[in-house]
Amino acid sequence: MIKSKIKSMMQYLSKSEMMIADFIMDLHADPRTLTSSMLAEQLNVAQSTVIRFTQKLGYPSFREFLVDLNSDYPREAPFEEEVVADESTEDTNLRVLAQYYDVLNITHRYNPADEFDKSVQLIRKARKIVLFGVGNSSIFCEYLGNQLNKLGFLATSYRDTHTFLVAASMLEPSDLLILVSESGETKEILDAVTMAKHNHVPILAVTGKAKSTLQQAADGVLTTIVFETDTRLNLLTVRVSQLMVIDLLYINLFKSDFKVNFEKVQNSDSLLRKQLKSE
């Protein structure tokens, strides 16, 4: 799990932190003897840099980081997650499965229950909801928007930037803007954040772990992760993480008023089946 966490944060590390990451990823000695001061001295970095590195991985203290490192060491040391050209199909499938397993577990750990509770309340209070994401993220906005519509929410997702910005400019403080962006720094997303803040519109962000303009501006944040790899697996892992977060958000929203929402979905599905039969 430690190696998976490091992979998910590679793009956000400083040069000194990258040195620490490389050392941990290639660690062959027993980690039980490791201390923050020893690690800092060996890599010629400040001890505060070591502590900052472990905090970026989500650990309040170096001691808690060591607990996970010690428990992971025997299992993860011989395992390489990158796909190898001459390996068997089964080995490749198991490798991808292992990455997905780690992605789901880390995504769960990065999103405490109270963040989902806060996100659910933002949605339930909203008069109108607008969703937007750039590129592939727009697919997940459309997916979530459809799920929200089934529960009776007035939700619209947009792919075209111009149309979206026009819709976003008309939002009011009683509405909600949901933005999906791994980096949280794309121009279209930043334009939307500026507009929402000017109009006092609450923002729910589905974004990466590192601090970003979107993350800091949002009223609610659900965190996604991506692994840095030499293949396109990193693109797949972030999609898995985004889908998990959105599904968890929907399920928790659904059960916040279970009986009413169950009837709404049943009625929606019934109407859809009748429509399909009539065609």
C-alpha atoms as a PDB file:
ATOM      1  CA  MET A   1       0.000   0.000   0.000  1.00  0.00           C
ATOM      2  CA  ILE A   2       2.897   2.395   0.708  1.00  0.00           C
ATOM      3  CA  LYS A   3       4.298   1.976  -2.792  1.00  0.00           C
ATOM      4  CA  SER A   4       0.861   2.510  -4.261  1.00  0.00           C
ATOM      5  CA  LYS A   5       0.422   5.721  -2.253  1.00  0.00           C
ATOM      6  CA  ILE A   6       3.806   6.985  -3.446  1.00  0.00           C
ATOM      7  CA  LYS A   7       2.905   6.218  -7.058  1.00  0.00           C
ATOM      8  CA  SER A   8      -0.285   8.217  -6.673  1.00  0.00           C
ATOM      9  CA  MET A   9       1.645  11.284  -5.430  1.00  0.00           C
ATOM     10  CA  MET A  10       4.726  11.213  -7.699  1.00  0.00           C
ATOM     11  CA  GLN A  11       3.622  14.156  -9.840  1.00  0.00           C
ATOM     12  CA  TYR A  12       3.178  16.358  -6.766  1.00  0.00           C
ATOM     13  CA  LEU A  13       6.552  15.755  -5.074  1.00  0.00           C
ATOM     14  CA  SER A  14       9.476  18.172  -4.934  1.00  0.00           C
ATOM     15  CA  LYS A  15      12.970  17.073  -6.035  1.00  0.00           C
ATOM     16  CA  SER A  16      13.997  16.309  -2.456  1.00  0.00           C
ATOM     17  CA  GLU A  17      10.785  14.405  -1.825  1.00  0.00           C
ATOM     18  CA  MET A  18      11.344  12.460  -5.053  1.00  0.00           C
ATOM     19  CA  MET A  19      14.682  11.293  -3.626  1.00  0.00           C
ATOM     20  CA  ILE A  20      12.879   9.968  -0.556  1.00  0.00           C
ATOM     21  CA  ALA A  21      10.219   8.330  -2.728  1.00  0.00           C
ATOM     22  CA  ASP A  22      12.849   6.578  -4.879  1.00  0.00           C
ATOM     23  CA  PHE A  23      14.618   5.346  -1.755  1.00  0.00           C
ATOM     24  CA  ILE A  24      11.414   3.895  -0.276  1.00  0.00           C
ATOM     25  CA  MET A  25      10.359   2.346  -3.588  1.00  0.00           C
ATOM     26  CA  ASP A  26      13.732   0.611  -3.868  1.00  0.00           C
ATOM     27  CA  LEU A  27      14.053  -0.270  -0.179  1.00  0.00           C
ATOM     28  CA  HIS A  28      15.578  -3.718   0.416  1.00  0.00           C
ATOM     29  CA  ALA A  29      16.694  -3.337   4.040  1.00  0.00           C
ATOM     30  CA  ASP A  30      14.454  -4.050   7.012  1.00  0.00           C
ATOM     31  CA  PRO A  31      12.407  -0.832   7.505  1.00  0.00           C
ATOM     32  CA  ARG A  32      12.003  -1.466  11.251  1.00  0.00           C
ATOM     33  CA  THR A  33      15.382   0.169  11.856  1.00  0.00           C
ATOM     34  CA  LEU A  34      14.501   3.301   9.877  1.00  0.00           C
ATOM     35  CA  THR A  35      14.108   6.711  11.553  1.00  0.00           C
ATOM     36  CA  SER A  36      13.354  10.094  10.041  1.00  0.00           C
ATOM     37  CA  SER A  37      16.750  11.468  11.071  1.00  0.00           C
ATOM     38  CA  MET A  38      18.600   8.461   9.599  1.00  0.00           C
ATOM     39  CA  LEU A  39      16.689   8.781   6.331  1.00  0.00           C
ATOM     40  CA  ALA A  40      17.380  12.517   6.161  1.00  0.00           C
ATOM     41  CA  GLU A  41      21.084  12.012   6.829  1.00  0.00           C
ATOM     42  CA  GLN A  42      21.441   9.204   4.282  1.00  0.00           C
ATOM     43  CA  LEU A  43      19.773  11.232   1.518  1.00  0.00           C
ATOM     44  CA  ASN A  44      21.295  14.561   2.576  1.00  0.00           C
ATOM     45  CA  VAL A  45      17.927  16.271   2.993  1.00  0.00           C
ATOM     46  CA  ALA A  46      16.378  18.111   5.912  1.00  0.00           C
ATOM     47  CA  GLN A  47      14.481  16.030   8.472  1.00  0.00           C
ATOM     48  CA  SER A  48      11.538  18.378   7.964  1.00  0.00           C
ATOM     49  CA  THR A  49      11.498  17.310   4.298  1.00  0.00           C
ATOM     50  CA  VAL A  50      11.113  13.681   5.366  1.00  0.00           C
ATOM     51  CA  ILE A  51       8.221  14.598   7.664  1.00  0.00           C
ATOM     52  CA  ARG A  52       6.603  16.713   4.946  1.00  0.00           C
ATOM     53  CA  PHE A  53       6.920  13.771   2.527  1.00  0.00           C
ATOM     54  CA  THR A  54       5.094  11.389   4.882  1.00  0.00           C
ATOM     55  CA  GLN A  55       2.410  14.009   5.538  1.00  0.00           C
ATOM     56  CA  LYS A  56       1.790  14.324   1.795  1.00  0.00           C
ATOM     57  CA  LEU A  57       1.087  10.599   1.816  1.00  0.00           C
ATOM     58  CA  GLY A  58      -1.553  11.201   4.469  1.00  0.00           C
ATOM     59  CA  TYR A  59       0.340  10.263   7.657  1.00  0.00           C
ATOM     60  CA  PRO A  60       0.159  12.632  10.649  1.00  0.00           C
ATOM     61  CA  SER A  61       3.515  11.367  11.910  1.00  0.00           C
ATOM     62  CA  PHE A  62       6.588   9.456  10.714  1.00  0.00           C
ATOM     63  CA  ARG A  63       5.767   6.736  13.258  1.00  0.00           C
ATOM     64  CA  GLU A  64       2.428   6.031  11.553  1.00  0.00           C
ATOM     65  CA  PHE A  65       4.192   5.965   8.189  1.00  0.00           C
ATOM     66  CA  LEU A  66       6.570   3.309   9.555  1.00  0.00           C
ATOM     67  CA  VAL A  67       3.674   1.171  10.767  1.00  0.00           C
ATOM     68  CA  ASP A  68       2.319   0.909   7.228  1.00  0.00           C
ATOM     69  CA  LEU A  69       5.782   0.515   5.733  1.00  0.00           C
ATOM     70  CA  ASN A  70       6.618  -2.345   8.106  1.00  0.00           C
ATOM     71  CA  SER A  71       3.356  -4.145   7.359  1.00  0.00           C
ATOM     72  CA  ASP A  72       3.756  -3.723   3.594  1.00  0.00           C
ATOM     73  CA  TYR A  73       7.457  -4.573   3.331  1.00  0.00           C
ATOM     74  CA  PRO A  74       7.294  -8.379   3.085  1.00  0.00           C
ATOM     75  CA  ARG A  75       4.407  -8.311   0.614  1.00  0.00           C
ATOM     76  CA  GLU A  76       5.358  -5.477  -1.676  1.00  0.00           C
ATOM     77  CA  ALA A  77       9.129  -5.892  -1.932  1.00  0.00           C
ATOM     78  CA  PRO A  78       9.174  -8.594  -4.637  1.00  0.00           C
ATOM     79  CA  PHE A  79       6.214  -7.177  -6.590  1.00  0.00           C
ATOM     80  CA  GLU A  80       6.560  -4.935  -9.628  1.00  0.00           C
ATOM     81  CA  GLU A  81       3.356  -3.252 -10.787  1.00  0.00           C
ATOM     82  CA  GLU A  82       4.522  -2.083 -14.210  1.00  0.00           C
ATOM     83  CA  VAL A  83       3.466  -4.205 -17.177  1.00  0.00           C
ATOM     84  CA  VAL A  84       6.292  -6.173 -18.820  1.00  0.00           C
ATOM     85  CA  ALA A  85       6.268  -6.842 -22.569  1.00  0.00           C
ATOM     86  CA  ASP A  86       7.150 -10.547 -22.456  1.00  0.00           C
ATOM     87  CA  GLU A  87       4.963 -11.555 -19.503  1.00  0.00           C
ATOM     88  CA  SER A  88       1.963 -13.858 -19.908  1.00  0.00           C
ATOM     89  CA  THR A  89      -1.578 -12.561 -20.371  1.00  0.00           C
ATOM     90  CA  GLU A  90      -2.503 -13.925 -16.954  1.00  0.00           C
ATOM     91  CA  ASP A  91       0.412 -12.109 -15.288  1.00  0.00           C
ATOM     92  CA  THR A  92      -0.659  -8.852 -16.950  1.00  0.00           C
ATOM     93  CA  ASN A  93      -4.261  -9.346 -15.835  1.00  0.00           C
ATOM     94  CA  LEU A  94      -3.182 -10.017 -12.252  1.00  0.00           C
ATOM     95  CA  ARG A  95      -0.900  -6.983 -12.308  1.00  0.00           C
ATOM     96  CA  VAL A  96      -3.728  -4.694 -13.421  1.00  0.00           C
ATOM     97  CA  LEU A  97      -6.060  -6.295 -10.869  1.00  0.00           C
ATOM     98  CA  ALA A  98      -3.518  -5.579  -8.119  1.00  0.00           C
ATOM     99  CA  GLN A  99      -3.294  -1.932  -9.181  1.00  0.00           C
ATOM    100  CA  TYR A 100      -7.060  -1.563  -9.204  1.00  0.00           C
ATOM    101  CA  TYR A 101      -7.270  -3.125  -5.756  1.00  0.00           C
ATOM    102  CA  ASP A 102      -4.743  -0.634  -4.413  1.00  0.00           C
ATOM    103  CA  VAL A 103      -6.469   2.276  -6.164  1.00  0.00           C
ATOM    104  CA  LEU A 104      -9.807   1.414  -4.556  1.00  0.00           C
ATOM    105  CA  ASN A 105      -8.266   1.014  -1.106  1.00  0.00           C
ATOM    106  CA  ILE A 106      -6.287   4.256  -1.242  1.00  0.00           C
ATOM    107  CA  THR A 107      -9.262   6.169  -2.645  1.00  0.00           C
ATOM    108  CA  HIS A 108     -11.307   4.924   0.304  1.00  0.00           C
ATOM    109  CA  ARG A 109      -8.618   5.966   2.796  1.00  0.00           C
ATOM    110  CA  TYR A 110      -8.293   9.443   1.266  1.00  0.00           C
ATOM    111  CA  ASN A 111     -12.036  10.097   1.592  1.00  0.00           C
ATOM    112  CA  PRO A 112     -13.273  10.021   5.213  1.00  0.00           C
ATOM    113  CA  ALA A 113     -16.987   9.519   5.794  1.00  0.00           C
ATOM    114  CA  ASP A 114     -17.543  13.119   6.896  1.00  0.00           C
ATOM    115  CA  GLU A 115     -16.451  14.368   3.451  1.00  0.00           C
ATOM    116  CA  PHE A 116     -19.190  12.287   1.851  1.00  0.00           C
ATOM    117  CA  ASP A 117     -21.691  13.522   4.456  1.00  0.00           C
ATOM    118  CA  LYS A 118     -20.733  17.121   3.671  1.00  0.00           C
ATOM    119  CA  SER A 119     -21.017  16.480  -0.082  1.00  0.00           C
ATOM    120  CA  VAL A 120     -24.433  14.865   0.320  1.00  0.00           C
ATOM    121  CA  GLN A 121     -25.698  17.890   2.258  1.00  0.00           C
ATOM    122  CA  LEU A 122     -24.407  20.275  -0.428  1.00  0.00           C
ATOM    123  CA  ILE A 123     -26.370  18.368  -3.061  1.00  0.00           C
ATOM    124  CA  ARG A 124     -29.545  18.059  -0.980  1.00  0.00           C
ATOM    125  CA  LYS A 125     -29.619  21.808  -0.276  1.00  0.00           C
ATOM    126  CA  ALA A 126     -29.085  22.786  -3.928  1.00  0.00           C
ATOM    127  CA  ARG A 127     -31.942  24.288  -5.950  1.00  0.00           C
ATOM    128  CA  LYS A 128     -30.103  23.605  -9.191  1.00  0.00           C
ATOM    129  CA  ILE A 129     -26.878  21.700  -9.946  1.00  0.00           C
ATOM    130  CA  VAL A 130     -24.415  22.262 -12.789  1.00  0.00           C
ATOM    131  CA  LEU A 131     -21.633  19.735 -13.477  1.00  0.00           C
ATOM    132  CA  PHE A 132     -18.505  20.199 -15.590  1.00  0.00           C
ATOM    133  CA  GLY A 133     -15.256  18.410 -16.349  1.00  0.00           C
ATOM    134  CA  VAL A 134     -12.663  18.749 -19.100  1.00  0.00           C
ATOM    135  CA  GLY A 135     -11.953  15.850 -21.478  1.00  0.00           C
ATOM    136  CA  ASN A 136     -12.676  12.397 -20.083  1.00  0.00           C
ATOM    137  CA  SER A 137     -13.809  13.895 -16.773  1.00  0.00           C
ATOM    138  CA  SER A 138     -16.921  15.147 -18.578  1.00  0.00           C
ATOM    139  CA  ILE A 139     -18.031  11.510 -18.950  1.00  0.00           C
ATOM    140  CA  PHE A 140     -18.195  11.160 -15.175  1.00  0.00           C
ATOM    141  CA  CYS A 141     -20.057  14.461 -14.866  1.00  0.00           C
ATOM    142  CA  GLU A 142     -22.660  13.211 -17.314  1.00  0.00           C
ATOM    143  CA  TYR A 143     -22.900   9.917 -15.420  1.00  0.00           C
ATOM    144  CA  LEU A 144     -23.381  11.646 -12.052  1.00  0.00           C
ATOM    145  CA  GLY A 145     -25.806  14.143 -13.580  1.00  0.00           C
ATOM    146  CA  ASN A 146     -28.003  11.311 -14.868  1.00  0.00           C
ATOM    147  CA  GLN A 147     -27.966   9.640 -11.442  1.00  0.00           C
ATOM    148  CA  LEU A 148     -28.957  12.905  -9.763  1.00  0.00           C
ATOM    149  CA  ASN A 149     -31.817  13.368 -12.241  1.00  0.00           C
ATOM    150  CA  LYS A 150     -33.153   9.937 -11.260  1.00  0.00           C
ATOM    151  CA  LEU A 151     -33.382  11.139  -7.661  1.00  0.00           C
ATOM    152  CA  GLY A 152     -35.333  14.226  -8.698  1.00  0.00           C
ATOM    153  CA  PHE A 153     -32.529  16.795  -8.632  1.00  0.00           C
ATOM    154  CA  LEU A 154     -32.378  19.485 -11.312  1.00  0.00           C
ATOM    155  CA  ALA A 155     -28.881  18.623 -12.559  1.00  0.00           C
ATOM    156  CA  THR A 156     -27.246  19.408 -15.919  1.00  0.00           C
ATOM    157  CA  SER A 157     -23.786  18.380 -17.114  1.00  0.00           C
ATOM    158  CA  TYR A 158     -21.919  20.206 -19.886  1.00  0.00           C
ATOM    159  CA  ARG A 159     -19.131  19.235 -22.288  1.00  0.00           C
ATOM    160  CA  ASP A 160     -18.911  22.446 -24.281  1.00  0.00           C
ATOM    161  CA  THR A 161     -16.940  25.041 -22.328  1.00  0.00           C
ATOM    162  CA  HIS A 162     -18.748  28.101 -23.684  1.00  0.00           C
ATOM    163  CA  THR A 163     -22.213  26.686 -22.969  1.00  0.00           C
ATOM    164  CA  PHE A 164     -21.082  25.639 -19.515  1.00  0.00           C
ATOM    165  CA  LEU A 165     -19.676  29.057 -18.613  1.00  0.00           C
ATOM    166  CA  VAL A 166     -22.932  30.720 -19.679  1.00  0.00           C
ATOM    167  CA  ALA A 167     -24.892  28.312 -17.445  1.00  0.00           C
ATOM    168  CA  ALA A 168     -22.419  28.724 -14.566  1.00  0.00           C
ATOM    169  CA  SER A 169     -22.667  32.515 -14.743  1.00  0.00           C
ATOM    170  CA  MET A 170     -26.398  32.275 -13.960  1.00  0.00           C
ATOM    171  CA  LEU A 171     -25.979  30.144 -10.833  1.00  0.00           C
ATOM    172  CA  GLU A 172     -27.020  31.613  -7.490  1.00  0.00           C
ATOM    173  CA  PRO A 173     -25.933  30.974  -3.881  1.00  0.00           C
ATOM    174  CA  SER A 174     -28.778  28.452  -3.503  1.00  0.00           C
ATOM    175  CA  ASP A 175     -27.357  26.370  -6.379  1.00  0.00           C
ATOM    176  CA  LEU A 176     -24.326  24.046  -6.576  1.00  0.00           C
ATOM    177  CA  LEU A 177     -21.421  23.736  -9.000  1.00  0.00           C
ATOM    178  CA  ILE A 178     -19.788  20.285  -9.236  1.00  0.00           C
ATOM    179  CA  LEU A 179     -16.357  20.269 -10.894  1.00  0.00           C
ATOM    180  CA  VAL A 180     -14.396  17.116 -11.780  1.00  0.00           C
ATOM    181  CA  SER A 181     -10.691  17.690 -12.474  1.00  0.00           C
ATOM    182  CA  GLU A 182      -7.684  15.573 -11.541  1.00  0.00           C
ATOM    183  CA  SER A 183      -5.242  18.494 -11.537  1.00  0.00           C
ATOM    184  CA  GLY A 184      -7.661  21.159 -10.331  1.00  0.00           C
ATOM    185  CA  GLU A 185      -5.681  23.682 -12.353  1.00  0.00           C
ATOM    186  CA  THR A 186      -7.000  23.595 -15.937  1.00  0.00           C
ATOM    187  CA  LYS A 187      -7.976  27.008 -17.334  1.00  0.00           C
ATOM    188  CA  GLU A 188     -11.638  26.128 -17.805  1.00  0.00           C
ATOM    189  CA  ILE A 189     -11.895  24.885 -14.226  1.00  0.00           C
ATOM    190  CA  LEU A 190     -10.183  27.991 -12.838  1.00  0.00           C
ATOM    191  CA  ASP A 191     -12.530  30.239 -14.842  1.00  0.00           C
ATOM    192  CA  ALA A 192     -15.468  28.373 -13.318  1.00  0.00           C
ATOM    193  CA  VAL A 193     -14.043  28.683  -9.801  1.00  0.00           C
ATOM    194  CA  THR A 194     -13.579  32.449 -10.234  1.00  0.00           C
ATOM    195  CA  MET A 195     -17.134  32.828 -11.483  1.00  0.00           C
ATOM    196  CA  ALA A 196     -18.616  30.720  -8.691  1.00  0.00           C
ATOM    197  CA  LYS A 197     -16.741  32.604  -5.988  1.00  0.00           C
ATOM    198  CA  HIS A 198     -17.860  35.937  -7.427  1.00  0.00           C
ATOM    199  CA  ASN A 199     -21.505  34.803  -7.309  1.00  0.00           C
ATOM    200  CA  HIS A 200     -21.134  33.042  -3.915  1.00  0.00           C
ATOM    201  CA  VAL A 201     -22.037  29.670  -5.431  1.00  0.00           C
ATOM    202  CA  PRO A 202     -20.899  26.627  -3.382  1.00  0.00           C
ATOM    203  CA  ILE A 203     -18.489  24.246  -5.142  1.00  0.00           C
ATOM    204  CA  LEU A 204     -18.189  20.473  -4.790  1.00  0.00           C
ATOM    205  CA  ALA A 205     -14.862  19.277  -6.211  1.00  0.00           C
ATOM    206  CA  VAL A 206     -13.850  15.796  -7.304  1.00  0.00           C
ATOM    207  CA  THR A 207     -10.102  16.260  -7.675  1.00  0.00           C
ATOM    208  CA  GLY A 208      -6.601  14.937  -6.976  1.00  0.00           C
ATOM    209  CA  LYS A 209      -4.850  14.662  -3.626  1.00  0.00           C
ATOM    210  CA  ALA A 210      -2.386  17.531  -4.034  1.00  0.00           C
ATOM    211  CA  LYS A 211      -3.341  21.045  -3.016  1.00  0.00           C
ATOM    212  CA  SER A 212      -4.770  22.915  -5.997  1.00  0.00           C
ATOM    213  CA  THR A 213      -6.731  26.071  -6.670  1.00  0.00           C
ATOM    214  CA  LEU A 214      -9.905  23.993  -7.060  1.00  0.00           C
ATOM    215  CA  GLN A 215      -9.330  22.018  -3.868  1.00  0.00           C
ATOM    216  CA  GLN A 216      -8.704  25.134  -1.797  1.00  0.00           C
ATOM    217  CA  ALA A 217     -11.709  26.982  -3.231  1.00  0.00           C
ATOM    218  CA  ALA A 218     -14.218  24.140  -2.872  1.00  0.00           C
ATOM    219  CA  ASP A 219     -16.795  23.878  -0.102  1.00  0.00           C
ATOM    220  CA  GLY A 220     -16.651  20.079  -0.338  1.00  0.00           C
ATOM    221  CA  VAL A 221     -13.832  17.896  -1.685  1.00  0.00           C
ATOM    222  CA  LEU A 222     -13.793  14.249  -2.740  1.00  0.00           C
ATOM    223  CA  THR A 223     -10.307  12.981  -3.541  1.00  0.00           C
ATOM    224  CA  THR A 224      -9.199  10.860  -6.491  1.00  0.00           C
ATOM    225  CA  ILE A 225      -5.783   9.337  -7.160  1.00  0.00           C
ATOM    226  CA  VAL A 226      -3.638   8.393 -10.131  1.00  0.00           C
ATOM    227  CA  PHE A 227      -0.540   6.173 -10.302  1.00  0.00           C
ATOM    228  CA  GLU A 228       2.501   7.296 -12.253  1.00  0.00           C
ATOM    229  CA  THR A 229       3.476   4.466 -14.625  1.00  0.00           C
ATOM    230  CA  ASP A 230       5.305   4.049 -17.932  1.00  0.00           C
ATOM    231  CA  THR A 231       2.169   2.717 -19.618  1.00  0.00           C
ATOM    232  CA  ARG A 232      -1.376   4.045 -19.967  1.00  0.00           C
ATOM    233  CA  LEU A 233      -2.311   2.340 -16.698  1.00  0.00           C
ATOM    234  CA  ASN A 234      -2.136   5.705 -14.967  1.00  0.00           C
ATOM    235  CA  LEU A 235      -5.026   6.921 -17.134  1.00  0.00           C
ATOM    236  CA  LEU A 236      -7.028   3.855 -16.192  1.00  0.00           C
ATOM    237  CA  THR A 237      -6.383   4.126 -12.464  1.00  0.00           C
ATOM    238  CA  VAL A 238      -7.638   7.700 -12.206  1.00  0.00           C
ATOM    239  CA  ARG A 239     -10.848   6.676 -13.996  1.00  0.00           C
ATOM    240  CA  VAL A 240     -11.335   3.820 -11.526  1.00  0.00           C
ATOM    241  CA  SER A 241     -10.783   6.244  -8.651  1.00  0.00           C
ATOM    242  CA  GLN A 242     -13.205   8.831 -10.085  1.00  0.00           C
ATOM    243  CA  LEU A 243     -15.887   6.208 -10.689  1.00  0.00           C
ATOM    244  CA  MET A 244     -15.556   4.852  -7.147  1.00  0.00           C
ATOM    245  CA  VAL A 245     -15.874   8.317  -5.593  1.00  0.00           C
ATOM    246  CA  ILE A 246     -18.917   9.192  -7.700  1.00  0.00           C
ATOM    247  CA  ASP A 247     -20.633   5.867  -6.975  1.00  0.00           C
ATOM    248  CA  LEU A 248     -20.014   6.246  -3.244  1.00  0.00           C
ATOM    249  CA  LEU A 249     -21.398   9.780  -3.387  1.00  0.00           C
ATOM    250  CA  TYR A 250     -24.520   8.574  -5.196  1.00  0.00           C
ATOM    251  CA  ILE A 251     -25.126   5.633  -2.841  1.00  0.00           C
ATOM    252  CA  ASN A 252     -24.754   7.804   0.262  1.00  0.00           C
ATOM    253  CA  LEU A 253     -27.037  10.419  -1.267  1.00  0.00           C
ATOM    254  CA  PHE A 254     -29.558   7.693  -2.109  1.00  0.00           C
ATOM    255  CA  LYS A 255     -29.685   6.334   1.427  1.00  0.00           C
ATOM    256  CA  SER A 256     -29.966   9.813   2.978  1.00  0.00           C
ATOM    257  CA  ASP A 257     -33.695   9.562   2.124  1.00  0.00           C
ATOM    258  CA  PHE A 258     -33.874   5.888   1.253  1.00  0.00           C
ATOM    259  CA  LYS A 259     -37.630   5.281   1.022  1.00  0.00           C
ATOM    260  CA  VAL A 260     -38.361   8.361  -1.091  1.00  0.00           C
ATOM    261  CA  ASN A 261     -35.374   7.825  -3.372  1.00  0.00           C
ATOM    262  CA  PHE A 262     -36.166   4.136  -3.805  1.00  0.00           C
ATOM    263  CA  GLU A 263     -39.649   5.029  -5.064  1.00  0.00           C
ATOM    264  CA  LYS A 264     -38.229   7.667  -7.423  1.00  0.00           C
ATOM    265  CA  VAL A 265     -35.799   5.215  -8.997  1.00  0.00           C
ATOM    266  CA  GLN A 266     -38.471   2.543  -9.267  1.00  0.00           C
ATOM    267  CA  ASN A 267     -40.816   4.970 -11.041  1.00  0.00           C
ATOM    268  CA  SER A 268     -38.035   6.161 -13.346  1.00  0.00           C
ATOM    269  CA  ASP A 269     -37.067   2.602 -14.308  1.00  0.00           C
ATOM    270  CA  SER A 270     -40.715   1.674 -14.827  1.00  0.00           C
ATOM    271  CA  LEU A 271     -41.292   4.590 -17.201  1.00  0.00           C
ATOM    272  CA  LEU A 272     -38.108   3.732 -19.097  1.00  0.00           C
ATOM    273  CA  ARG A 273     -39.191   0.106 -19.545  1.00  0.00           C
ATOM    274  CA  LYS A 274     -42.611   1.218 -20.851  1.00  0.00           C
ATOM    275  CA  GLN A 275     -40.932   3.580 -23.294  1.00  0.00           C
ATOM    276  CA  LEU A 276     -38.631   0.840 -24.589  1.00  0.00           C
ATOM    277  CA  LYS A 277     -41.577  -1.546 -25.060  1.00  0.00           C
ATOM    278  CA  SER A 278     -43.518   1.027 -27.060  1.00  0.00           C
ATOM    279  CA  GLU A 279     -40.698   1.589 -29.550  1.00  0.00           C
END
